[in-house]
Amino acid sequence: VIDELLPEVGKSYNLTTNPDERAIG
């Protein structure tokens, strides 16, 4: 999730890197 998926989506969108602003479920 952290090393592959988020960087892939982050190529197109400005995603937070703040862990308090990231949820997973």
PDB file of all heavy atoms in Angstrom:
ATOM      1  N   VAL A   1       0.830  -1.210   0.000  1.00  0.00           N
ATOM      2  CA  VAL A   1       0.000   0.000   0.000  1.00  0.00           C
ATOM      3  C   VAL A   1       0.862   1.257   0.000  1.00  0.00           C
ATOM      4  O   VAL A   1       0.638   2.191  -0.791  1.00  0.00           O
ATOM      5  CB  VAL A   1      -0.948  -0.005   1.216  1.00  0.00           C
ATOM      6  CG1 VAL A   1      -1.682   1.333   1.330  1.00  0.00           C
ATOM      7  CG2 VAL A   1      -1.962  -1.144   1.100  1.00  0.00           C
ATOM      8  N   ILE A   2       1.844   1.299   0.883  1.00  0.00           N
ATOM      9  CA  ILE A   2       2.606   2.527   1.112  1.00  0.00           C
ATOM     10  C   ILE A   2       3.651   2.767   0.038  1.00  0.00           C
ATOM     11  O   ILE A   2       3.849   3.908  -0.409  1.00  0.00           O
ATOM     12  CB  ILE A   2       3.251   2.484   2.518  1.00  0.00           C
ATOM     13  CG1 ILE A   2       2.158   2.430   3.591  1.00  0.00           C
ATOM     14  CG2 ILE A   2       4.170   3.682   2.742  1.00  0.00           C
ATOM     15  CD1 ILE A   2       2.646   1.966   4.946  1.00  0.00           C
ATOM     16  N   ASP A   3       4.327   1.710  -0.385  1.00  0.00           N
ATOM     17  CA  ASP A   3       5.438   1.875  -1.328  1.00  0.00           C
ATOM     18  C   ASP A   3       5.043   1.717  -2.786  1.00  0.00           C
ATOM     19  O   ASP A   3       5.805   2.145  -3.671  1.00  0.00           O
ATOM     20  CB  ASP A   3       6.554   0.870  -1.012  1.00  0.00           C
ATOM     21  CG  ASP A   3       7.155   1.072   0.367  1.00  0.00           C
ATOM     22  OD1 ASP A   3       7.020   2.188   0.914  1.00  0.00           O
ATOM     23  OD2 ASP A   3       7.739   0.108   0.904  1.00  0.00           O
ATOM     24  N   GLU A   4       3.875   1.103  -3.049  1.00  0.00           N
ATOM     25  CA  GLU A   4       3.473   0.881  -4.439  1.00  0.00           C
ATOM     26  C   GLU A   4       2.181   1.596  -4.796  1.00  0.00           C
ATOM     27  O   GLU A   4       2.130   2.382  -5.738  1.00  0.00           O
ATOM     28  CB  GLU A   4       3.314  -0.624  -4.708  1.00  0.00           C
ATOM     29  CG  GLU A   4       4.618  -1.395  -4.671  1.00  0.00           C
ATOM     30  CD  GLU A   4       4.466  -2.827  -5.162  1.00  0.00           C
ATOM     31  OE1 GLU A   4       3.421  -3.454  -4.909  1.00  0.00           O
ATOM     32  OE2 GLU A   4       5.395  -3.319  -5.804  1.00  0.00           O
ATOM     33  N   LEU A   5       1.107   1.306  -4.042  1.00  0.00           N
ATOM     34  CA  LEU A   5      -0.205   1.806  -4.432  1.00  0.00           C
ATOM     35  C   LEU A   5      -0.313   3.323  -4.282  1.00  0.00           C
ATOM     36  O   LEU A   5      -0.744   4.018  -5.215  1.00  0.00           O
ATOM     37  CB  LEU A   5      -1.290   1.102  -3.609  1.00  0.00           C
ATOM     38  CG  LEU A   5      -2.740   1.453  -3.961  1.00  0.00           C
ATOM     39  CD1 LEU A   5      -3.045   1.069  -5.410  1.00  0.00           C
ATOM     40  CD2 LEU A   5      -3.705   0.756  -3.008  1.00  0.00           C
ATOM     41  N   LEU A   6       0.054   3.849  -3.115  1.00  0.00           N
ATOM     42  CA  LEU A   6      -0.057   5.297  -2.918  1.00  0.00           C
ATOM     43  C   LEU A   6       0.823   6.085  -3.894  1.00  0.00           C
ATOM     44  O   LEU A   6       0.350   7.082  -4.468  1.00  0.00           O
ATOM     45  CB  LEU A   6       0.266   5.663  -1.476  1.00  0.00           C
ATOM     46  CG  LEU A   6      -0.742   5.217  -0.411  1.00  0.00           C
ATOM     47  CD1 LEU A   6      -0.331   5.742   0.961  1.00  0.00           C
ATOM     48  CD2 LEU A   6      -2.156   5.665  -0.734  1.00  0.00           C
ATOM     49  N   PRO A   7       2.070   5.687  -4.118  1.00  0.00           N
ATOM     50  CA  PRO A   7       2.851   6.419  -5.121  1.00  0.00           C
ATOM     51  C   PRO A   7       2.252   6.356  -6.524  1.00  0.00           C
ATOM     52  O   PRO A   7       2.336   7.327  -7.277  1.00  0.00           O
ATOM     53  CB  PRO A   7       4.216   5.721  -5.082  1.00  0.00           C
ATOM     54  CG  PRO A   7       4.314   5.167  -3.702  1.00  0.00           C
ATOM     55  CD  PRO A   7       2.918   4.734  -3.367  1.00  0.00           C
ATOM     56  N   GLU A   8       1.639   5.212  -6.876  1.00  0.00           N
ATOM     57  CA  GLU A   8       1.021   5.103  -8.196  1.00  0.00           C
ATOM     58  C   GLU A   8      -0.142   6.082  -8.328  1.00  0.00           C
ATOM     59  O   GLU A   8      -0.243   6.817  -9.314  1.00  0.00           O
ATOM     60  CB  GLU A   8       0.535   3.673  -8.420  1.00  0.00           C
ATOM     61  CG  GLU A   8      -0.068   3.426  -9.784  1.00  0.00           C
ATOM     62  CD  GLU A   8       0.922   3.519 -10.919  1.00  0.00           C
ATOM     63  OE1 GLU A   8       2.146   3.432 -10.670  1.00  0.00           O
ATOM     64  OE2 GLU A   8       0.477   3.693 -12.069  1.00  0.00           O
ATOM     65  N   VAL A   9      -1.034   6.114  -7.331  1.00  0.00           N
ATOM     66  CA  VAL A   9      -2.152   7.055  -7.374  1.00  0.00           C
ATOM     67  C   VAL A   9      -1.645   8.488  -7.239  1.00  0.00           C
ATOM     68  O   VAL A   9      -2.184   9.422  -7.851  1.00  0.00           O
ATOM     69  CB  VAL A   9      -3.170   6.721  -6.265  1.00  0.00           C
ATOM     70  CG1 VAL A   9      -4.313   7.738  -6.247  1.00  0.00           C
ATOM     71  CG2 VAL A   9      -3.719   5.310  -6.464  1.00  0.00           C
ATOM     72  N   GLY A  10      -0.580   8.666  -6.459  1.00  0.00           N
ATOM     73  CA  GLY A  10      -0.019   9.996  -6.259  1.00  0.00           C
ATOM     74  C   GLY A  10       0.586  10.612  -7.509  1.00  0.00           C
ATOM     75  O   GLY A  10       0.870  11.815  -7.528  1.00  0.00           O
ATOM     76  N   LYS A  11       0.790   9.825  -8.558  1.00  0.00           N
ATOM     77  CA  LYS A  11       1.252  10.397  -9.830  1.00  0.00           C
ATOM     78  C   LYS A  11       0.201  11.316 -10.446  1.00  0.00           C
ATOM     79  O   LYS A  11       0.535  12.227 -11.214  1.00  0.00           O
ATOM     80  CB  LYS A  11       1.584   9.277 -10.812  1.00  0.00           C
ATOM     81  CG  LYS A  11       2.781   8.426 -10.431  1.00  0.00           C
ATOM     82  CD  LYS A  11       2.961   7.286 -11.429  1.00  0.00           C
ATOM     83  CE  LYS A  11       4.113   6.364 -11.035  1.00  0.00           C
ATOM     84  NZ  LYS A  11       4.246   5.217 -11.974  1.00  0.00           N
ATOM     85  N   SER A  12      -1.063  11.055 -10.102  1.00  0.00           N
ATOM     86  CA  SER A  12      -2.161  11.816 -10.710  1.00  0.00           C
ATOM     87  C   SER A  12      -2.843  12.761  -9.737  1.00  0.00           C
ATOM     88  O   SER A  12      -3.507  13.712 -10.179  1.00  0.00           O
ATOM     89  CB  SER A  12      -3.206  10.842 -11.269  1.00  0.00           C
ATOM     90  OG  SER A  12      -2.635   9.973 -12.237  1.00  0.00           O
ATOM     91  N   TYR A  13      -2.707  12.521  -8.433  1.00  0.00           N
ATOM     92  CA  TYR A  13      -3.449  13.312  -7.451  1.00  0.00           C
ATOM     93  C   TYR A  13      -2.543  13.693  -6.291  1.00  0.00           C
ATOM     94  O   TYR A  13      -1.602  12.959  -5.949  1.00  0.00           O
ATOM     95  CB  TYR A  13      -4.668  12.529  -6.937  1.00  0.00           C
ATOM     96  CG  TYR A  13      -5.559  12.074  -8.054  1.00  0.00           C
ATOM     97  CD1 TYR A  13      -5.498  10.754  -8.517  1.00  0.00           C
ATOM     98  CD2 TYR A  13      -6.413  12.964  -8.695  1.00  0.00           C
ATOM     99  CE1 TYR A  13      -6.285  10.342  -9.573  1.00  0.00           C
ATOM    100  CE2 TYR A  13      -7.203  12.552  -9.761  1.00  0.00           C
ATOM    101  CZ  TYR A  13      -7.132  11.246 -10.195  1.00  0.00           C
ATOM    102  OH  TYR A  13      -7.902  10.843 -11.254  1.00  0.00           O
ATOM    103  N   ASN A  14      -2.834  14.822  -5.699  1.00  0.00           N
ATOM    104  CA  ASN A  14      -2.062  15.339  -4.575  1.00  0.00           C
ATOM    105  C   ASN A  14      -2.585  14.712  -3.290  1.00  0.00           C
ATOM    106  O   ASN A  14      -3.611  15.140  -2.753  1.00  0.00           O
ATOM    107  CB  ASN A  14      -2.163  16.868  -4.530  1.00  0.00           C
ATOM    108  CG  ASN A  14      -1.230  17.487  -3.508  1.00  0.00           C
ATOM    109  OD1 ASN A  14      -0.481  16.788  -2.824  1.00  0.00           O
ATOM    110  ND2 ASN A  14      -1.266  18.807  -3.400  1.00  0.00           N
ATOM    111  N   LEU A  15      -1.899  13.685  -2.805  1.00  0.00           N
ATOM    112  CA  LEU A  15      -2.327  12.942  -1.628  1.00  0.00           C
ATOM    113  C   LEU A  15      -1.526  13.383  -0.415  1.00  0.00           C
ATOM    114  O   LEU A  15      -0.317  13.594  -0.486  1.00  0.00           O
ATOM    115  CB  LEU A  15      -2.113  11.435  -1.837  1.00  0.00           C
ATOM    116  CG  LEU A  15      -2.744  10.805  -3.074  1.00  0.00           C
ATOM    117  CD1 LEU A  15      -2.395   9.318  -3.126  1.00  0.00           C
ATOM    118  CD2 LEU A  15      -4.243  11.009  -3.096  1.00  0.00           C
ATOM    119  N   THR A  16      -2.200  13.473   0.715  1.00  0.00           N
ATOM    120  CA  THR A  16      -1.513  13.823   1.944  1.00  0.00           C
ATOM    121  C   THR A  16      -0.478  12.758   2.319  1.00  0.00           C
ATOM    122  O   THR A  16      -0.654  11.570   2.035  1.00  0.00           O
ATOM    123  CB  THR A  16      -2.512  13.993   3.097  1.00  0.00           C
ATOM    124  OG1 THR A  16      -1.802  14.438   4.272  1.00  0.00           O
ATOM    125  CG2 THR A  16      -3.221  12.684   3.406  1.00  0.00           C
ATOM    126  N   THR A  17       0.578  13.200   2.981  1.00  0.00           N
ATOM    127  CA  THR A  17       1.544  12.275   3.575  1.00  0.00           C
ATOM    128  C   THR A  17       1.425  12.255   5.090  1.00  0.00           C
ATOM    129  O   THR A  17       2.201  11.567   5.760  1.00  0.00           O
ATOM    130  CB  THR A  17       2.976  12.673   3.181  1.00  0.00           C
ATOM    131  OG1 THR A  17       3.236  14.018   3.623  1.00  0.00           O
ATOM    132  CG2 THR A  17       3.172  12.590   1.670  1.00  0.00           C
ATOM    133  N   ASN A  18       0.454  12.981   5.625  1.00  0.00           N
ATOM    134  CA  ASN A  18       0.235  13.047   7.072  1.00  0.00           C
ATOM    135  C   ASN A  18      -0.491  11.785   7.522  1.00  0.00           C
ATOM    136  O   ASN A  18      -1.622  11.526   7.087  1.00  0.00           O
ATOM    137  CB  ASN A  18      -0.591  14.291   7.394  1.00  0.00           C
ATOM    138  CG  ASN A  18      -0.827  14.473   8.876  1.00  0.00           C
ATOM    139  OD1 ASN A  18      -0.584  13.577   9.681  1.00  0.00           O
ATOM    140  ND2 ASN A  18      -1.327  15.640   9.254  1.00  0.00           N
ATOM    141  N   PRO A  19       0.093  10.968   8.392  1.00  0.00           N
ATOM    142  CA  PRO A  19      -0.581   9.720   8.796  1.00  0.00           C
ATOM    143  C   PRO A  19      -1.907   9.953   9.514  1.00  0.00           C
ATOM    144  O   PRO A  19      -2.777   9.081   9.477  1.00  0.00           O
ATOM    145  CB  PRO A  19       0.441   9.055   9.724  1.00  0.00           C
ATOM    146  CG  PRO A  19       1.307  10.157  10.212  1.00  0.00           C
ATOM    147  CD  PRO A  19       1.392  11.131   9.073  1.00  0.00           C
ATOM    148  N   ASP A  20      -2.080  11.116  10.152  1.00  0.00           N
ATOM    149  CA  ASP A  20      -3.347  11.423  10.799  1.00  0.00           C
ATOM    150  C   ASP A  20      -4.441  11.750   9.792  1.00  0.00           C
ATOM    151  O   ASP A  20      -5.614  11.858  10.173  1.00  0.00           O
ATOM    152  CB  ASP A  20      -3.180  12.597  11.766  1.00  0.00           C
ATOM    153  CG  ASP A  20      -2.416  12.198  13.021  1.00  0.00           C
ATOM    154  OD1 ASP A  20      -2.709  11.120  13.567  1.00  0.00           O
ATOM    155  OD2 ASP A  20      -1.528  12.956  13.444  1.00  0.00           O
ATOM    156  N   GLU A  21      -4.075  11.925   8.527  1.00  0.00           N
ATOM    157  CA  GLU A  21      -5.038  12.214   7.476  1.00  0.00           C
ATOM    158  C   GLU A  21      -5.197  11.049   6.498  1.00  0.00           C
ATOM    159  O   GLU A  21      -5.751  11.205   5.419  1.00  0.00           O
ATOM    160  CB  GLU A  21      -4.626  13.481   6.719  1.00  0.00           C
ATOM    161  CG  GLU A  21      -4.670  14.722   7.603  1.00  0.00           C
ATOM    162  CD  GLU A  21      -4.403  15.997   6.827  1.00  0.00           C
ATOM    163  OE1 GLU A  21      -3.648  15.960   5.824  1.00  0.00           O
ATOM    164  OE2 GLU A  21      -4.964  17.032   7.218  1.00  0.00           O
ATOM    165  N   ARG A  22      -4.748   9.881   6.932  1.00  0.00           N
ATOM    166  CA  ARG A  22      -4.897   8.677   6.121  1.00  0.00           C
ATOM    167  C   ARG A  22      -5.691   7.644   6.912  1.00  0.00           C
ATOM    168  O   ARG A  22      -5.354   7.323   8.053  1.00  0.00           O
ATOM    169  CB  ARG A  22      -3.533   8.084   5.772  1.00  0.00           C
ATOM    170  CG  ARG A  22      -2.735   8.858   4.738  1.00  0.00           C
ATOM    171  CD  ARG A  22      -1.361   8.238   4.616  1.00  0.00           C
ATOM    172  NE  ARG A  22      -0.602   8.744   3.490  1.00  0.00           N
ATOM    173  CZ  ARG A  22       0.647   8.394   3.231  1.00  0.00           C
ATOM    174  NH1 ARG A  22       1.262   7.522   4.035  1.00  0.00           N
ATOM    175  NH2 ARG A  22       1.293   8.891   2.208  1.00  0.00           N
ATOM    176  N   ALA A  23      -6.738   7.115   6.302  1.00  0.00           N
ATOM    177  CA  ALA A  23      -7.560   6.070   6.908  1.00  0.00           C
ATOM    178  C   ALA A  23      -7.496   4.828   6.028  1.00  0.00           C
ATOM    179  O   ALA A  23      -7.325   4.920   4.804  1.00  0.00           O
ATOM    180  CB  ALA A  23      -9.008   6.535   7.059  1.00  0.00           C
ATOM    181  N   ILE A  24      -7.662   3.679   6.656  1.00  0.00           N
ATOM    182  CA  ILE A  24      -7.668   2.416   5.923  1.00  0.00           C
ATOM    183  C   ILE A  24      -8.707   1.503   6.558  1.00  0.00           C
ATOM    184  O   ILE A  24      -8.890   1.515   7.779  1.00  0.00           O
ATOM    185  CB  ILE A  24      -6.267   1.764   5.922  1.00  0.00           C
ATOM    186  CG1 ILE A  24      -6.233   0.542   4.994  1.00  0.00           C
ATOM    187  CG2 ILE A  24      -5.777   1.428   7.328  1.00  0.00           C
ATOM    188  CD1 ILE A  24      -4.825   0.106   4.627  1.00  0.00           C
ATOM    189  N   GLY A  25      -9.421   0.754   5.741  1.00  0.00           N
ATOM    190  CA  GLY A  25     -10.500  -0.063   6.285  1.00  0.00           C
ATOM    191  C   GLY A  25     -10.800  -1.265   5.430  1.00  0.00           C
ATOM    192  O   GLY A  25     -10.240  -1.454   4.335  1.00  0.00           O
TER     193      GLY A  25
END
